[in-house]
Protein backbone atom coordinates (compact mmCIF):
# COMPACT_ATOMS: atom_id res chain seq x y z
CA MET A 1 -106.87 200.91 71.57
CA GLN A 2 -104.50 200.21 68.71
CA CYS A 3 -105.74 198.90 65.37
CA ALA A 4 -104.15 195.72 64.05
CA TYR A 5 -104.39 196.89 60.43
CA ASN A 6 -102.67 199.62 58.47
CA LEU A 7 -105.51 202.08 57.86
CA ASN A 8 -103.39 204.13 55.46
CA GLN A 9 -104.44 201.75 52.70
CA SER A 10 -107.68 200.83 50.99
CA LEU A 11 -110.27 198.97 53.05
CA TYR A 12 -110.78 196.80 49.97
CA LYS A 13 -107.09 195.82 50.10
CA ILE A 14 -107.34 194.90 53.79
CA LEU A 15 -110.44 192.79 53.17
CA LYS A 16 -108.76 191.03 50.25
CA ASP A 17 -105.31 190.49 51.80
CA GLU A 18 -106.29 189.80 55.41
CA PHE A 19 -109.64 188.05 55.01
CA GLY A 20 -109.45 186.57 51.50
CA LEU A 21 -112.52 188.45 50.32
CA LYS A 22 -112.62 188.53 46.52
CA PHE A 23 -114.77 191.24 45.04
CA LYS A 24 -116.58 190.32 41.85
CA PHE A 25 -119.05 193.02 40.89
CA ALA A 26 -120.19 196.47 41.99
CA THR A 27 -123.18 198.52 40.92
CA GLN A 28 -123.15 202.20 41.67
CA SER A 29 -125.65 204.96 41.06
CA LEU A 30 -125.51 208.69 41.53
CA GLU A 31 -128.63 210.81 41.52
CA ALA A 32 -129.52 214.40 42.23
CA GLY A 33 -132.23 215.10 44.76
CA ILE A 34 -133.67 217.52 47.26
CA ALA A 35 -132.75 216.99 50.91
CA SER A 36 -135.47 215.46 53.07
CA GLU A 37 -136.11 216.68 56.60
CA GLU A 38 -134.03 213.83 58.03
CA GLN A 39 -131.19 214.47 55.56
CA THR A 40 -131.10 218.19 56.39
CA LYS A 41 -130.51 217.25 60.03
CA LEU A 42 -127.79 214.74 59.17
CA LEU A 43 -125.95 217.19 56.89
CA ASN A 44 -126.75 220.35 58.85
CA ILE A 45 -128.14 222.02 55.72
CA SER A 46 -131.32 223.93 54.88
CA PRO A 47 -134.58 222.22 53.91
CA ASN A 48 -134.88 221.58 50.17
CA ASP A 49 -131.14 222.10 49.54
CA PRO A 50 -129.93 220.10 46.52
CA ILE A 51 -127.93 216.96 47.32
CA LEU A 52 -126.35 214.07 45.49
CA ILE A 53 -127.18 210.52 46.60
CA LEU A 54 -124.57 207.88 45.86
CA ARG A 55 -125.45 204.18 46.31
CA ARG A 56 -123.21 201.15 45.79
CA LEU A 57 -123.80 197.40 46.09
CA THR A 58 -120.79 195.08 45.90
CA THR A 59 -120.82 191.28 45.70
CA ASP A 60 -118.07 188.74 46.18
CA GLU A 61 -117.12 185.81 43.95
CA ARG A 62 -120.01 183.76 45.43
CA ASP A 63 -122.50 186.54 44.52
CA ILE A 64 -123.01 187.37 48.20
CA LEU A 65 -123.63 191.03 49.00
CA VAL A 66 -120.58 192.24 50.95
CA GLU A 67 -121.02 196.01 50.78
CA PHE A 68 -123.88 198.48 50.78
CA VAL A 69 -123.09 202.19 50.63
CA LYS A 70 -125.42 205.16 50.70
CA SER A 71 -123.72 208.54 50.76
CA LEU A 72 -125.42 211.90 50.93
CA ILE A 73 -123.35 214.66 49.37
CA PHE A 74 -124.01 218.37 49.70
CA VAL A 75 -122.12 220.61 47.30
CA PHE A 76 -122.12 224.18 48.56
CA ALA A 77 -122.85 227.07 46.21
CA GLY A 78 -119.86 227.74 43.99
CA GLY A 79 -118.35 224.33 44.75
CA SER A 80 -117.57 221.55 42.33
CA PHE A 81 -118.07 217.82 42.33
CA ALA A 82 -116.12 215.01 40.64
CA VAL A 83 -116.30 211.22 40.67
CA ASP A 84 -113.18 209.24 39.77
CA ARG A 85 -113.27 205.50 39.11
CA LEU A 86 -110.37 203.30 40.11
CA ALA A 87 -110.41 200.16 37.98
CA GLU A 88 -108.57 197.85 40.41
CA VAL A 89 -111.43 196.97 42.78
CA GLN A 90 -114.32 198.97 41.36
CA GLN A 91 -113.63 201.54 44.02
CA TRP A 92 -114.92 205.07 43.53
CA LEU A 93 -113.43 208.22 44.96
CA VAL A 94 -115.64 211.24 45.43
CA ARG A 95 -114.09 214.67 45.67
CA VAL A 96 -116.01 217.71 46.77
CA LYS A 97 -114.17 221.00 46.44
């Protein structure tokens, strides 16, 4: 099956250009935690490994929730972690090295 949209661009751009969705506000949090039993299975990591939990809520111009994100991030020993903010659409890029 072929996709009708160019997926080499931001999903936010597709939603804006193709569907007229206008993003208004995003709230994002990042917290450190210890992996739960369920999370260890999802990430294939050891129990009690440290993880980062990223959550984001985005609303449109009518204050309707249009995006909910929950990301679990495991940074292996000796690795690094960075969060970069792109101002255009309140989009965040997460890099794990």
